[in-house]
Amino acid sequence: TQPTLAKQWKTLDKALDFGNHSLTPKLK
């Protein structure tokens, strides 16, 4: 629930890659 414990990405592209390739297929 806290951003301080959240995974951080240093670039927008890396965050989007994770969301699109790791998160979306798993959670739908």
mmCIF file of all heavy atoms, coordinates in Angstrom:
data_MODEL
# 
_entry.id   MODEL 
# 
loop_
_atom_site.group_PDB 
_atom_site.id 
_atom_site.type_symbol 
_atom_site.label_atom_id 
_atom_site.label_alt_id 
_atom_site.label_comp_id 
_atom_site.label_asym_id 
_atom_site.label_entity_id 
_atom_site.label_seq_id 
_atom_site.pdbx_PDB_ins_code 
_atom_site.Cartn_x 
_atom_site.Cartn_y 
_atom_site.Cartn_z 
_atom_site.occupancy 
_atom_site.B_iso_or_equiv 
_atom_site.pdbx_formal_charge 
_atom_site.auth_seq_id 
_atom_site.auth_comp_id 
_atom_site.auth_asym_id 
_atom_site.auth_atom_id 
_atom_site.pdbx_PDB_model_num 
ATOM 1   N N   . THR A 1 1  ? 0.812  -1.221  0.000   1.00 0.00 ? 1  THR A N   1 
ATOM 2   C CA  . THR A 1 1  ? 0.000  0.000   0.000   1.00 0.00 ? 1  THR A CA  1 
ATOM 3   C C   . THR A 1 1  ? 0.842  1.266   0.000   1.00 0.00 ? 1  THR A C   1 
ATOM 4   O O   . THR A 1 1  ? 0.333  2.340   -0.309  1.00 0.00 ? 1  THR A O   1 
ATOM 5   C CB  . THR A 1 1  ? -0.951 0.032   1.219   1.00 0.00 ? 1  THR A CB  1 
ATOM 6   O OG1 . THR A 1 1  ? -0.169 -0.061  2.413   1.00 0.00 ? 1  THR A OG1 1 
ATOM 7   C CG2 . THR A 1 1  ? -1.943 -1.123  1.163   1.00 0.00 ? 1  THR A CG2 1 
ATOM 8   N N   . GLN A 1 2  ? 2.119  1.154   0.343   1.00 0.00 ? 2  GLN A N   1 
ATOM 9   C CA  . GLN A 1 2  ? 2.990  2.325   0.448   1.00 0.00 ? 2  GLN A CA  1 
ATOM 10  C C   . GLN A 1 2  ? 3.984  2.401   -0.709  1.00 0.00 ? 2  GLN A C   1 
ATOM 11  O O   . GLN A 1 2  ? 4.656  1.413   -1.000  1.00 0.00 ? 2  GLN A O   1 
ATOM 12  C CB  . GLN A 1 2  ? 3.777  2.277   1.758   1.00 0.00 ? 2  GLN A CB  1 
ATOM 13  C CG  . GLN A 1 2  ? 2.909  2.318   2.988   1.00 0.00 ? 2  GLN A CG  1 
ATOM 14  C CD  . GLN A 1 2  ? 2.125  3.612   3.090   1.00 0.00 ? 2  GLN A CD  1 
ATOM 15  O OE1 . GLN A 1 2  ? 2.643  4.689   2.805   1.00 0.00 ? 2  GLN A OE1 1 
ATOM 16  N NE2 . GLN A 1 2  ? 0.871  3.509   3.467   1.00 0.00 ? 2  GLN A NE2 1 
ATOM 17  N N   . PRO A 1 3  ? 4.107  3.556   -1.348  1.00 0.00 ? 3  PRO A N   1 
ATOM 18  C CA  . PRO A 1 3  ? 5.091  3.709   -2.423  1.00 0.00 ? 3  PRO A CA  1 
ATOM 19  C C   . PRO A 1 3  ? 6.525  3.463   -1.961  1.00 0.00 ? 3  PRO A C   1 
ATOM 20  O O   . PRO A 1 3  ? 7.373  3.088   -2.752  1.00 0.00 ? 3  PRO A O   1 
ATOM 21  C CB  . PRO A 1 3  ? 4.918  5.154   -2.885  1.00 0.00 ? 3  PRO A CB  1 
ATOM 22  C CG  . PRO A 1 3  ? 3.610  5.599   -2.371  1.00 0.00 ? 3  PRO A CG  1 
ATOM 23  C CD  . PRO A 1 3  ? 3.292  4.752   -1.183  1.00 0.00 ? 3  PRO A CD  1 
ATOM 24  N N   . THR A 1 4  ? 6.804  3.643   -0.653  1.00 0.00 ? 4  THR A N   1 
ATOM 25  C CA  . THR A 1 4  ? 8.164  3.425   -0.154  1.00 0.00 ? 4  THR A CA  1 
ATOM 26  C C   . THR A 1 4  ? 8.573  1.960   -0.223  1.00 0.00 ? 4  THR A C   1 
ATOM 27  O O   . THR A 1 4  ? 9.761  1.655   -0.250  1.00 0.00 ? 4  THR A O   1 
ATOM 28  C CB  . THR A 1 4  ? 8.303  3.926   1.299   1.00 0.00 ? 4  THR A CB  1 
ATOM 29  O OG1 . THR A 1 4  ? 7.301  3.294   2.102   1.00 0.00 ? 4  THR A OG1 1 
ATOM 30  C CG2 . THR A 1 4  ? 8.150  5.430   1.369   1.00 0.00 ? 4  THR A CG2 1 
ATOM 31  N N   . LEU A 1 5  ? 7.612  1.052   -0.260  1.00 0.00 ? 5  LEU A N   1 
ATOM 32  C CA  . LEU A 1 5  ? 7.887  -0.381  -0.379  1.00 0.00 ? 5  LEU A CA  1 
ATOM 33  C C   . LEU A 1 5  ? 7.740  -0.878  -1.811  1.00 0.00 ? 5  LEU A C   1 
ATOM 34  O O   . LEU A 1 5  ? 7.958  -2.052  -2.088  1.00 0.00 ? 5  LEU A O   1 
ATOM 35  C CB  . LEU A 1 5  ? 6.948  -1.188  0.531   1.00 0.00 ? 5  LEU A CB  1 
ATOM 36  C CG  . LEU A 1 5  ? 7.066  -0.925  2.023   1.00 0.00 ? 5  LEU A CG  1 
ATOM 37  C CD1 . LEU A 1 5  ? 5.980  -1.683  2.785   1.00 0.00 ? 5  LEU A CD1 1 
ATOM 38  C CD2 . LEU A 1 5  ? 8.444  -1.325  2.520   1.00 0.00 ? 5  LEU A CD2 1 
ATOM 39  N N   . ALA A 1 6  ? 7.354  0.015   -2.698  1.00 0.00 ? 6  ALA A N   1 
ATOM 40  C CA  . ALA A 1 6  ? 7.050  -0.373  -4.073  1.00 0.00 ? 6  ALA A CA  1 
ATOM 41  C C   . ALA A 1 6  ? 8.297  -0.488  -4.942  1.00 0.00 ? 6  ALA A C   1 
ATOM 42  O O   . ALA A 1 6  ? 9.300  0.196   -4.713  1.00 0.00 ? 6  ALA A O   1 
ATOM 43  C CB  . ALA A 1 6  ? 6.096  0.642   -4.697  1.00 0.00 ? 6  ALA A CB  1 
ATOM 44  N N   . LYS A 1 7  ? 8.195  -1.359  -5.927  1.00 0.00 ? 7  LYS A N   1 
ATOM 45  C CA  . LYS A 1 7  ? 9.243  -1.485  -6.935  1.00 0.00 ? 7  LYS A CA  1 
ATOM 46  C C   . LYS A 1 7  ? 9.326  -0.170  -7.697  1.00 0.00 ? 7  LYS A C   1 
ATOM 47  O O   . LYS A 1 7  ? 8.312  0.457   -7.972  1.00 0.00 ? 7  LYS A O   1 
ATOM 48  C CB  . LYS A 1 7  ? 8.894  -2.639  -7.883  1.00 0.00 ? 7  LYS A CB  1 
ATOM 49  C CG  . LYS A 1 7  ? 9.956  -2.960  -8.905  1.00 0.00 ? 7  LYS A CG  1 
ATOM 50  C CD  . LYS A 1 7  ? 9.588  -4.250  -9.623  1.00 0.00 ? 7  LYS A CD  1 
ATOM 51  C CE  . LYS A 1 7  ? 10.602 -4.638  -10.650 1.00 0.00 ? 7  LYS A CE  1 
ATOM 52  N NZ  . LYS A 1 7  ? 11.880 -5.033  -10.082 1.00 0.00 ? 7  LYS A NZ  1 
ATOM 53  N N   . GLN A 1 8  ? 10.547 0.249   -8.029  1.00 0.00 ? 8  GLN A N   1 
ATOM 54  C CA  . GLN A 1 8  ? 10.753 1.505   -8.744  1.00 0.00 ? 8  GLN A CA  1 
ATOM 55  C C   . GLN A 1 8  ? 11.478 1.245   -10.051 1.00 0.00 ? 8  GLN A C   1 
ATOM 56  O O   . GLN A 1 8  ? 12.372 0.409   -10.107 1.00 0.00 ? 8  GLN A O   1 
ATOM 57  C CB  . GLN A 1 8  ? 11.609 2.452   -7.912  1.00 0.00 ? 8  GLN A CB  1 
ATOM 58  C CG  . GLN A 1 8  ? 11.007 2.848   -6.609  1.00 0.00 ? 8  GLN A CG  1 
ATOM 59  C CD  . GLN A 1 8  ? 11.945 3.746   -5.819  1.00 0.00 ? 8  GLN A CD  1 
ATOM 60  O OE1 . GLN A 1 8  ? 12.826 4.388   -6.378  1.00 0.00 ? 8  GLN A OE1 1 
ATOM 61  N NE2 . GLN A 1 8  ? 11.762 3.790   -4.520  1.00 0.00 ? 8  GLN A NE2 1 
ATOM 62  N N   . TRP A 1 9  ? 11.067 1.963   -11.069 1.00 0.00 ? 9  TRP A N   1 
ATOM 63  C CA  . TRP A 1 9  ? 11.761 1.929   -12.356 1.00 0.00 ? 9  TRP A CA  1 
ATOM 64  C C   . TRP A 1 9  ? 12.321 3.313   -12.607 1.00 0.00 ? 9  TRP A C   1 
ATOM 65  O O   . TRP A 1 9  ? 11.676 4.323   -12.334 1.00 0.00 ? 9  TRP A O   1 
ATOM 66  C CB  . TRP A 1 9  ? 10.799 1.537   -13.474 1.00 0.00 ? 9  TRP A CB  1 
ATOM 67  C CG  . TRP A 1 9  ? 10.368 0.111   -13.377 1.00 0.00 ? 9  TRP A CG  1 
ATOM 68  C CD1 . TRP A 1 9  ? 10.958 -0.962  -13.959 1.00 0.00 ? 9  TRP A CD1 1 
ATOM 69  C CD2 . TRP A 1 9  ? 9.256  -0.400  -12.643 1.00 0.00 ? 9  TRP A CD2 1 
ATOM 70  N NE1 . TRP A 1 9  ? 10.291 -2.111  -13.635 1.00 0.00 ? 9  TRP A NE1 1 
ATOM 71  C CE2 . TRP A 1 9  ? 9.236  -1.802  -12.820 1.00 0.00 ? 9  TRP A CE2 1 
ATOM 72  C CE3 . TRP A 1 9  ? 8.278  0.173   -11.835 1.00 0.00 ? 9  TRP A CE3 1 
ATOM 73  C CZ2 . TRP A 1 9  ? 8.277  -2.621  -12.251 1.00 0.00 ? 9  TRP A CZ2 1 
ATOM 74  C CZ3 . TRP A 1 9  ? 7.324  -0.652  -11.257 1.00 0.00 ? 9  TRP A CZ3 1 
ATOM 75  C CH2 . TRP A 1 9  ? 7.331  -2.026  -11.467 1.00 0.00 ? 9  TRP A CH2 1 
ATOM 76  N N   . LYS A 1 10 ? 13.515 3.367   -13.154 1.00 0.00 ? 10 LYS A N   1 
ATOM 77  C CA  . LYS A 1 10 ? 14.173 4.656   -13.400 1.00 0.00 ? 10 LYS A CA  1 
ATOM 78  C C   . LYS A 1 10 ? 13.775 5.278   -14.726 1.00 0.00 ? 10 LYS A C   1 
ATOM 79  O O   . LYS A 1 10 ? 13.984 6.463   -14.936 1.00 0.00 ? 10 LYS A O   1 
ATOM 80  C CB  . LYS A 1 10 ? 15.688 4.495   -13.320 1.00 0.00 ? 10 LYS A CB  1 
ATOM 81  C CG  . LYS A 1 10 ? 16.139 4.150   -11.912 1.00 0.00 ? 10 LYS A CG  1 
ATOM 82  C CD  . LYS A 1 10 ? 17.625 4.040   -11.799 1.00 0.00 ? 10 LYS A CD  1 
ATOM 83  C CE  . LYS A 1 10 ? 17.991 3.677   -10.379 1.00 0.00 ? 10 LYS A CE  1 
ATOM 84  N NZ  . LYS A 1 10 ? 19.397 3.639   -10.131 1.00 0.00 ? 10 LYS A NZ  1 
ATOM 85  N N   . THR A 1 11 ? 13.196 4.467   -15.622 1.00 0.00 ? 11 THR A N   1 
ATOM 86  C CA  . THR A 1 11 ? 12.765 5.017   -16.907 1.00 0.00 ? 11 THR A CA  1 
ATOM 87  C C   . THR A 1 11 ? 11.318 4.622   -17.185 1.00 0.00 ? 11 THR A C   1 
ATOM 88  O O   . THR A 1 11 ? 10.847 3.559   -16.738 1.00 0.00 ? 11 THR A O   1 
ATOM 89  C CB  . THR A 1 11 ? 13.642 4.531   -18.081 1.00 0.00 ? 11 THR A CB  1 
ATOM 90  O OG1 . THR A 1 11 ? 13.426 3.133   -18.272 1.00 0.00 ? 11 THR A OG1 1 
ATOM 91  C CG2 . THR A 1 11 ? 15.116 4.824   -17.834 1.00 0.00 ? 11 THR A CG2 1 
ATOM 92  N N   . LEU A 1 12 ? 10.642 5.451   -17.919 1.00 0.00 ? 12 LEU A N   1 
ATOM 93  C CA  . LEU A 1 12 ? 9.271  5.187   -18.319 1.00 0.00 ? 12 LEU A CA  1 
ATOM 94  C C   . LEU A 1 12 ? 9.197  3.912   -19.152 1.00 0.00 ? 12 LEU A C   1 
ATOM 95  O O   . LEU A 1 12 ? 8.307  3.081   -18.949 1.00 0.00 ? 12 LEU A O   1 
ATOM 96  C CB  . LEU A 1 12 ? 8.730  6.383   -19.111 1.00 0.00 ? 12 LEU A CB  1 
ATOM 97  C CG  . LEU A 1 12 ? 7.324  6.266   -19.674 1.00 0.00 ? 12 LEU A CG  1 
ATOM 98  C CD1 . LEU A 1 12 ? 6.305  6.077   -18.563 1.00 0.00 ? 12 LEU A CD1 1 
ATOM 99  C CD2 . LEU A 1 12 ? 6.994  7.498   -20.506 1.00 0.00 ? 12 LEU A CD2 1 
ATOM 100 N N   . ASP A 1 13 ? 10.144 3.726   -20.072 1.00 0.00 ? 13 ASP A N   1 
ATOM 101 C CA  . ASP A 1 13 ? 10.141 2.544   -20.943 1.00 0.00 ? 13 ASP A CA  1 
ATOM 102 C C   . ASP A 1 13 ? 10.235 1.250   -20.153 1.00 0.00 ? 13 ASP A C   1 
ATOM 103 O O   . ASP A 1 13 ? 9.540  0.277   -20.443 1.00 0.00 ? 13 ASP A O   1 
ATOM 104 C CB  . ASP A 1 13 ? 11.276 2.609   -21.965 1.00 0.00 ? 13 ASP A CB  1 
ATOM 105 C CG  . ASP A 1 13 ? 11.009 3.639   -23.049 1.00 0.00 ? 13 ASP A CG  1 
ATOM 106 O OD1 . ASP A 1 13 ? 9.848  4.057   -23.224 1.00 0.00 ? 13 ASP A OD1 1 
ATOM 107 O OD2 . ASP A 1 13 ? 11.985 4.026   -23.725 1.00 0.00 ? 13 ASP A OD2 1 
ATOM 108 N N   . LYS A 1 14 ? 11.098 1.216   -19.140 1.00 0.00 ? 14 LYS A N   1 
ATOM 109 C CA  . LYS A 1 14 ? 11.258 -0.008  -18.338 1.00 0.00 ? 14 LYS A CA  1 
ATOM 110 C C   . LYS A 1 14 ? 9.990  -0.298  -17.535 1.00 0.00 ? 14 LYS A C   1 
ATOM 111 O O   . LYS A 1 14 ? 9.585  -1.450  -17.393 1.00 0.00 ? 14 LYS A O   1 
ATOM 112 C CB  . LYS A 1 14 ? 12.477 0.093   -17.439 1.00 0.00 ? 14 LYS A CB  1 
ATOM 113 C CG  . LYS A 1 14 ? 13.777 0.005   -18.219 1.00 0.00 ? 14 LYS A CG  1 
ATOM 114 C CD  . LYS A 1 14 ? 14.948 -0.190  -17.297 1.00 0.00 ? 14 LYS A CD  1 
ATOM 115 C CE  . LYS A 1 14 ? 16.254 -0.155  -18.055 1.00 0.00 ? 14 LYS A CE  1 
ATOM 116 N NZ  . LYS A 1 14 ? 16.496 -1.305  -18.885 1.00 0.00 ? 14 LYS A NZ  1 
ATOM 117 N N   . ALA A 1 15 ? 9.355  0.722   -17.005 1.00 0.00 ? 15 ALA A N   1 
ATOM 118 C CA  . ALA A 1 15 ? 8.104  0.537   -16.262 1.00 0.00 ? 15 ALA A CA  1 
ATOM 119 C C   . ALA A 1 15 ? 7.007  0.015   -17.189 1.00 0.00 ? 15 ALA A C   1 
ATOM 120 O O   . ALA A 1 15 ? 6.276  -0.915  -16.842 1.00 0.00 ? 15 ALA A O   1 
ATOM 121 C CB  . ALA A 1 15 ? 7.673  1.842   -15.604 1.00 0.00 ? 15 ALA A CB  1 
ATOM 122 N N   . LEU A 1 16 ? 6.907  0.604   -18.371 1.00 0.00 ? 16 LEU A N   1 
ATOM 123 C CA  . LEU A 1 16 ? 5.909  0.150   -19.336 1.00 0.00 ? 16 LEU A CA  1 
ATOM 124 C C   . LEU A 1 16 ? 6.178  -1.277  -19.797 1.00 0.00 ? 16 LEU A C   1 
ATOM 125 O O   . LEU A 1 16 ? 5.246  -2.074  -19.943 1.00 0.00 ? 16 LEU A O   1 
ATOM 126 C CB  . LEU A 1 16 ? 5.856  1.090   -20.537 1.00 0.00 ? 16 LEU A CB  1 
ATOM 127 C CG  . LEU A 1 16 ? 5.257  2.467   -20.269 1.00 0.00 ? 16 LEU A CG  1 
ATOM 128 C CD1 . LEU A 1 16 ? 5.449  3.375   -21.478 1.00 0.00 ? 16 LEU A CD1 1 
ATOM 129 C CD2 . LEU A 1 16 ? 3.786  2.356   -19.893 1.00 0.00 ? 16 LEU A CD2 1 
ATOM 130 N N   . ASP A 1 17 ? 7.440  -1.619  -20.014 1.00 0.00 ? 17 ASP A N   1 
ATOM 131 C CA  . ASP A 1 17 ? 7.792  -2.988  -20.403 1.00 0.00 ? 17 ASP A CA  1 
ATOM 132 C C   . ASP A 1 17 ? 7.344  -3.980  -19.333 1.00 0.00 ? 17 ASP A C   1 
ATOM 133 O O   . ASP A 1 17 ? 6.762  -5.022  -19.642 1.00 0.00 ? 17 ASP A O   1 
ATOM 134 C CB  . ASP A 1 17 ? 9.295  -3.129  -20.639 1.00 0.00 ? 17 ASP A CB  1 
ATOM 135 C CG  . ASP A 1 17 ? 9.742  -2.552  -21.962 1.00 0.00 ? 17 ASP A CG  1 
ATOM 136 O OD1 . ASP A 1 17 ? 8.879  -2.261  -22.824 1.00 0.00 ? 17 ASP A OD1 1 
ATOM 137 O OD2 . ASP A 1 17 ? 10.964 -2.382  -22.139 1.00 0.00 ? 17 ASP A OD2 1 
ATOM 138 N N   . PHE A 1 18 ? 7.619  -3.663  -18.069 1.00 0.00 ? 18 PHE A N   1 
ATOM 139 C CA  . PHE A 1 18 ? 7.201  -4.550  -16.984 1.00 0.00 ? 18 PHE A CA  1 
ATOM 140 C C   . PHE A 1 18 ? 5.678  -4.679  -16.973 1.00 0.00 ? 18 PHE A C   1 
ATOM 141 O O   . PHE A 1 18 ? 5.141  -5.782  -16.887 1.00 0.00 ? 18 PHE A O   1 
ATOM 142 C CB  . PHE A 1 18 ? 7.689  -4.038  -15.629 1.00 0.00 ? 18 PHE A CB  1 
ATOM 143 C CG  . PHE A 1 18 ? 7.210  -4.893  -14.492 1.00 0.00 ? 18 PHE A CG  1 
ATOM 144 C CD1 . PHE A 1 18 ? 7.933  -6.008  -14.112 1.00 0.00 ? 18 PHE A CD1 1 
ATOM 145 C CD2 . PHE A 1 18 ? 6.036  -4.587  -13.822 1.00 0.00 ? 18 PHE A CD2 1 
ATOM 146 C CE1 . PHE A 1 18 ? 7.476  -6.816  -13.070 1.00 0.00 ? 18 PHE A CE1 1 
ATOM 147 C CE2 . PHE A 1 18 ? 5.580  -5.381  -12.780 1.00 0.00 ? 18 PHE A CE2 1 
ATOM 148 C CZ  . PHE A 1 18 ? 6.295  -6.500  -12.406 1.00 0.00 ? 18 PHE A CZ  1 
ATOM 149 N N   . GLY A 1 19 ? 4.987  -3.558  -17.029 1.00 0.00 ? 19 GLY A N   1 
ATOM 150 C CA  . GLY A 1 19 ? 3.525  -3.590  -17.001 1.00 0.00 ? 19 GLY A CA  1 
ATOM 151 C C   . GLY A 1 19 ? 2.941  -4.391  -18.143 1.00 0.00 ? 19 GLY A C   1 
ATOM 152 O O   . GLY A 1 19 ? 2.052  -5.221  -17.945 1.00 0.00 ? 19 GLY A O   1 
ATOM 153 N N   . ASN A 1 20 ? 3.453  -4.159  -19.335 1.00 0.00 ? 20 ASN A N   1 
ATOM 154 C CA  . ASN A 1 20 ? 2.902  -4.820  -20.520 1.00 0.00 ? 20 ASN A CA  1 
ATOM 155 C C   . ASN A 1 20 ? 3.304  -6.281  -20.651 1.00 0.00 ? 20 ASN A C   1 
ATOM 156 O O   . ASN A 1 20 ? 2.517  -7.096  -21.142 1.00 0.00 ? 20 ASN A O   1 
ATOM 157 C CB  . ASN A 1 20 ? 3.320  -4.067  -21.781 1.00 0.00 ? 20 ASN A CB  1 
ATOM 158 C CG  . ASN A 1 20 ? 2.630  -2.727  -21.883 1.00 0.00 ? 20 ASN A CG  1 
ATOM 159 O OD1 . ASN A 1 20 ? 1.503  -2.559  -21.451 1.00 0.00 ? 20 ASN A OD1 1 
ATOM 160 N ND2 . ASN A 1 20 ? 3.328  -1.751  -22.433 1.00 0.00 ? 20 ASN A ND2 1 
ATOM 161 N N   . HIS A 1 21 ? 4.515  -6.630  -20.221 1.00 0.00 ? 21 HIS A N   1 
ATOM 162 C CA  . HIS A 1 21 ? 5.019  -7.986  -20.463 1.00 0.00 ? 21 HIS A CA  1 
ATOM 163 C C   . HIS A 1 21 ? 4.964  -8.892  -19.234 1.00 0.00 ? 21 HIS A C   1 
ATOM 164 O O   . HIS A 1 21 ? 4.908  -10.114 -19.388 1.00 0.00 ? 21 HIS A O   1 
ATOM 165 C CB  . HIS A 1 21 ? 6.444  -7.930  -21.001 1.00 0.00 ? 21 HIS A CB  1 
ATOM 166 C CG  . HIS A 1 21 ? 6.535  -7.201  -22.296 1.00 0.00 ? 21 HIS A CG  1 
ATOM 167 N ND1 . HIS A 1 21 ? 5.981  -7.663  -23.472 1.00 0.00 ? 21 HIS A ND1 1 
ATOM 168 C CD2 . HIS A 1 21 ? 7.068  -5.996  -22.600 1.00 0.00 ? 21 HIS A CD2 1 
ATOM 169 C CE1 . HIS A 1 21 ? 6.191  -6.789  -24.445 1.00 0.00 ? 21 HIS A CE1 1 
ATOM 170 N NE2 . HIS A 1 21 ? 6.850  -5.759  -23.938 1.00 0.00 ? 21 HIS A NE2 1 
ATOM 171 N N   . SER A 1 22 ? 4.983  -8.345  -18.036 1.00 0.00 ? 22 SER A N   1 
ATOM 172 C CA  . SER A 1 22 ? 4.949  -9.173  -16.828 1.00 0.00 ? 22 SER A CA  1 
ATOM 173 C C   . SER A 1 22 ? 3.620  -9.069  -16.087 1.00 0.00 ? 22 SER A C   1 
ATOM 174 O O   . SER A 1 22 ? 3.111  -10.070 -15.590 1.00 0.00 ? 22 SER A O   1 
ATOM 175 C CB  . SER A 1 22 ? 6.077  -8.771  -15.865 1.00 0.00 ? 22 SER A CB  1 
ATOM 176 O OG  . SER A 1 22 ? 7.328  -9.061  -16.420 1.00 0.00 ? 22 SER A OG  1 
ATOM 177 N N   . LEU A 1 23 ? 3.066  -7.875  -16.020 1.00 0.00 ? 23 LEU A N   1 
ATOM 178 C CA  . LEU A 1 23 ? 1.868  -7.674  -15.215 1.00 0.00 ? 23 LEU A CA  1 
ATOM 179 C C   . LEU A 1 23 ? 0.578  -7.992  -15.971 1.00 0.00 ? 23 LEU A C   1 
ATOM 180 O O   . LEU A 1 23 ? -0.242 -8.775  -15.495 1.00 0.00 ? 23 LEU A O   1 
ATOM 181 C CB  . LEU A 1 23 ? 1.850  -6.224  -14.715 1.00 0.00 ? 23 LEU A CB  1 
ATOM 182 C CG  . LEU A 1 23 ? 0.912  -5.901  -13.577 1.00 0.00 ? 23 LEU A CG  1 
ATOM 183 C CD1 . LEU A 1 23 ? 1.217  -6.751  -12.350 1.00 0.00 ? 23 LEU A CD1 1 
ATOM 184 C CD2 . LEU A 1 23 ? 1.028  -4.435  -13.221 1.00 0.00 ? 23 LEU A CD2 1 
ATOM 185 N N   . THR A 1 24 ? 0.400  -7.408  -17.135 1.00 0.00 ? 24 THR A N   1 
ATOM 186 C CA  . THR A 1 24 ? -0.849 -7.595  -17.883 1.00 0.00 ? 24 THR A CA  1 
ATOM 187 C C   . THR A 1 24 ? -1.135 -9.062  -18.192 1.00 0.00 ? 24 THR A C   1 
ATOM 188 O O   . THR A 1 24 ? -2.258 -9.518  -17.969 1.00 0.00 ? 24 THR A O   1 
ATOM 189 C CB  . THR A 1 24 ? -0.846 -6.744  -19.169 1.00 0.00 ? 24 THR A CB  1 
ATOM 190 O OG1 . THR A 1 24 ? -0.768 -5.369  -18.784 1.00 0.00 ? 24 THR A OG1 1 
ATOM 191 C CG2 . THR A 1 24 ? -2.102 -6.963  -19.988 1.00 0.00 ? 24 THR A CG2 1 
ATOM 192 N N   . PRO A 1 25 ? -0.174 -9.846  -18.688 1.00 0.00 ? 25 PRO A N   1 
ATOM 193 C CA  . PRO A 1 25 ? -0.478 -11.260 -18.971 1.00 0.00 ? 25 PRO A CA  1 
ATOM 194 C C   . PRO A 1 25 ? -0.847 -12.051 -17.711 1.00 0.00 ? 25 PRO A C   1 
ATOM 195 O O   . PRO A 1 25 ? -1.633 -12.988 -17.779 1.00 0.00 ? 25 PRO A O   1 
ATOM 196 C CB  . PRO A 1 25 ? 0.821  -11.806 -19.568 1.00 0.00 ? 25 PRO A CB  1 
ATOM 197 C CG  . PRO A 1 25 ? 1.563  -10.612 -20.055 1.00 0.00 ? 25 PRO A CG  1 
ATOM 198 C CD  . PRO A 1 25 ? 1.172  -9.496  -19.127 1.00 0.00 ? 25 PRO A CD  1 
ATOM 199 N N   . LYS A 1 26 ? -0.310 -11.670 -16.577 1.00 0.00 ? 26 LYS A N   1 
ATOM 200 C CA  . LYS A 1 26 ? -0.561 -12.403 -15.325 1.00 0.00 ? 26 LYS A CA  1 
ATOM 201 C C   . LYS A 1 26 ? -1.902 -12.011 -14.705 1.00 0.00 ? 26 LYS A C   1 
ATOM 202 O O   . LYS A 1 26 ? -2.648 -12.861 -14.240 1.00 0.00 ? 26 LYS A O   1 
ATOM 203 C CB  . LYS A 1 26 ? 0.572  -12.139 -14.343 1.00 0.00 ? 26 LYS A CB  1 
ATOM 204 C CG  . LYS A 1 26 ? 0.489  -12.969 -13.075 1.00 0.00 ? 26 LYS A CG  1 
ATOM 205 C CD  . LYS A 1 26 ? 1.711  -12.843 -12.244 1.00 0.00 ? 26 LYS A CD  1 
ATOM 206 C CE  . LYS A 1 26 ? 2.872  -13.658 -12.721 1.00 0.00 ? 26 LYS A CE  1 
ATOM 207 N NZ  . LYS A 1 26 ? 2.714  -15.058 -12.958 1.00 0.00 ? 26 LYS A NZ  1 
ATOM 208 N N   . LEU A 1 27 ? -2.222 -10.727 -14.667 1.00 0.00 ? 27 LEU A N   1 
ATOM 209 C CA  . LEU A 1 27 ? -3.421 -10.256 -13.972 1.00 0.00 ? 27 LEU A CA  1 
ATOM 210 C C   . LEU A 1 27 ? -4.626 -10.062 -14.880 1.00 0.00 ? 27 LEU A C   1 
ATOM 211 O O   . LEU A 1 27 ? -5.754 -10.135 -14.422 1.00 0.00 ? 27 LEU A O   1 
ATOM 212 C CB  . LEU A 1 27 ? -3.133 -8.936  -13.259 1.00 0.00 ? 27 LEU A CB  1 
ATOM 213 C CG  . LEU A 1 27 ? -2.117 -8.976  -12.137 1.00 0.00 ? 27 LEU A CG  1 
ATOM 214 C CD1 . LEU A 1 27 ? -1.964 -7.597  -11.530 1.00 0.00 ? 27 LEU A CD1 1 
ATOM 215 C CD2 . LEU A 1 27 ? -2.540 -9.971  -11.073 1.00 0.00 ? 27 LEU A CD2 1 
ATOM 216 N N   . LYS A 1 28 ? -4.383 -9.726  -16.120 1.00 0.00 ? 28 LYS A N   1 
ATOM 217 C CA  . LYS A 1 28 ? -5.453 -9.437  -17.082 1.00 0.00 ? 28 LYS A CA  1 
ATOM 218 C C   . LYS A 1 28 ? -6.431 -8.383  -16.539 1.00 0.00 ? 28 LYS A C   1 
ATOM 219 O O   . LYS A 1 28 ? -7.639 -8.508  -16.640 1.00 0.00 ? 28 LYS A O   1 
ATOM 220 C CB  . LYS A 1 28 ? -6.178 -10.714 -17.472 1.00 0.00 ? 28 LYS A CB  1 
ATOM 221 C CG  . LYS A 1 28 ? -5.240 -11.759 -18.038 1.00 0.00 ? 28 LYS A CG  1 
ATOM 222 C CD  . LYS A 1 28 ? -5.949 -12.788 -18.840 1.00 0.00 ? 28 LYS A CD  1 
ATOM 223 C CE  . LYS A 1 28 ? -5.073 -13.907 -19.297 1.00 0.00 ? 28 LYS A CE  1 
ATOM 224 N NZ  . LYS A 1 28 ? -3.799 -13.613 -19.833 1.00 0.00 ? 28 LYS A NZ  1 
# 
